[in-house]
Amino acid sequence: MIDNLSLALTHGLMLLAAFLLLRRPDLDREDAALREKTHRRWGKRGA
């Protein structure tokens, strides 16, 4: 019983994570990736 519960819980959480990632509005936009490149938080300073 516990094995089935743990399998259902982990698969359900992975399904929820995939669903939430696929609903992101910036997933299909290329300008978001360009904006992230130019405004890096952890990149080299002054570059």
C-alpha atoms as a PDB file:
ATOM      1  CA  MET A   1       0.000   0.000   0.000  1.00  0.00           C
ATOM      2  CA  ILE A   2       2.773   2.437   0.916  1.00  0.00           C
ATOM      3  CA  ASP A   3       4.633   1.662  -2.316  1.00  0.00           C
ATOM      4  CA  ASN A   4       1.591   2.551  -4.426  1.00  0.00           C
ATOM      5  CA  LEU A   5       1.025   5.719  -2.432  1.00  0.00           C
ATOM      6  CA  SER A   6       4.616   6.872  -2.819  1.00  0.00           C
ATOM      7  CA  LEU A   7       4.570   6.123  -6.563  1.00  0.00           C
ATOM      8  CA  ALA A   8       1.307   8.000  -7.025  1.00  0.00           C
ATOM      9  CA  LEU A   9       2.553  10.954  -4.984  1.00  0.00           C
ATOM     10  CA  THR A  10       5.877  11.326  -6.800  1.00  0.00           C
ATOM     11  CA  HIS A  11       4.356  10.883 -10.257  1.00  0.00           C
ATOM     12  CA  GLY A  12       1.595  13.316  -9.404  1.00  0.00           C
ATOM     13  CA  LEU A  13       4.125  15.927  -8.305  1.00  0.00           C
ATOM     14  CA  MET A  14       6.162  15.454 -11.487  1.00  0.00           C
ATOM     15  CA  LEU A  15       3.000  15.826 -13.554  1.00  0.00           C
ATOM     16  CA  LEU A  16       2.108  19.011 -11.681  1.00  0.00           C
ATOM     17  CA  ALA A  17       5.604  20.429 -12.209  1.00  0.00           C
ATOM     18  CA  ALA A  18       5.500  19.650 -15.937  1.00  0.00           C
ATOM     19  CA  PHE A  19       2.054  21.205 -16.244  1.00  0.00           C
ATOM     20  CA  LEU A  20       3.134  24.391 -14.471  1.00  0.00           C
ATOM     21  CA  LEU A  21       6.305  24.666 -16.570  1.00  0.00           C
ATOM     22  CA  LEU A  22       4.391  24.250 -19.807  1.00  0.00           C
ATOM     23  CA  ARG A  23       1.920  26.993 -18.811  1.00  0.00           C
ATOM     24  CA  ARG A  24       4.670  29.630 -18.443  1.00  0.00           C
ATOM     25  CA  PRO A  25       4.075  32.562 -20.802  1.00  0.00           C
ATOM     26  CA  ASP A  26       7.782  33.060 -21.550  1.00  0.00           C
ATOM     27  CA  LEU A  27       8.258  29.472 -22.725  1.00  0.00           C
ATOM     28  CA  ASP A  28       7.569  30.274 -26.364  1.00  0.00           C
ATOM     29  CA  ARG A  29       9.150  33.726 -26.586  1.00  0.00           C
ATOM     30  CA  GLU A  30      12.694  34.243 -27.803  1.00  0.00           C
ATOM     31  CA  ASP A  31      12.976  37.804 -26.507  1.00  0.00           C
ATOM     32  CA  ALA A  32      12.790  36.491 -22.935  1.00  0.00           C
ATOM     33  CA  ALA A  33      15.990  34.484 -23.465  1.00  0.00           C
ATOM     34  CA  LEU A  34      17.703  37.531 -24.968  1.00  0.00           C
ATOM     35  CA  ARG A  35      16.591  39.705 -22.071  1.00  0.00           C
ATOM     36  CA  GLU A  36      17.931  37.141 -19.607  1.00  0.00           C
ATOM     37  CA  LYS A  37      21.310  37.106 -21.363  1.00  0.00           C
ATOM     38  CA  THR A  38      21.671  40.876 -21.181  1.00  0.00           C
ATOM     39  CA  HIS A  39      20.485  41.188 -17.569  1.00  0.00           C
ATOM     40  CA  ARG A  40      22.383  38.374 -15.927  1.00  0.00           C
ATOM     41  CA  ARG A  41      22.548  38.513 -12.217  1.00  0.00           C
ATOM     42  CA  TRP A  42      25.486  36.156 -11.714  1.00  0.00           C
ATOM     43  CA  GLY A  43      27.605  37.024 -14.780  1.00  0.00           C
ATOM     44  CA  LYS A  44      30.892  38.888 -14.935  1.00  0.00           C
ATOM     45  CA  ARG A  45      30.771  42.416 -13.657  1.00  0.00           C
ATOM     46  CA  GLY A  46      31.364  45.175 -16.145  1.00  0.00           C
ATOM     47  CA  ALA A  47      30.984  42.936 -19.168  1.00  0.00           C
END
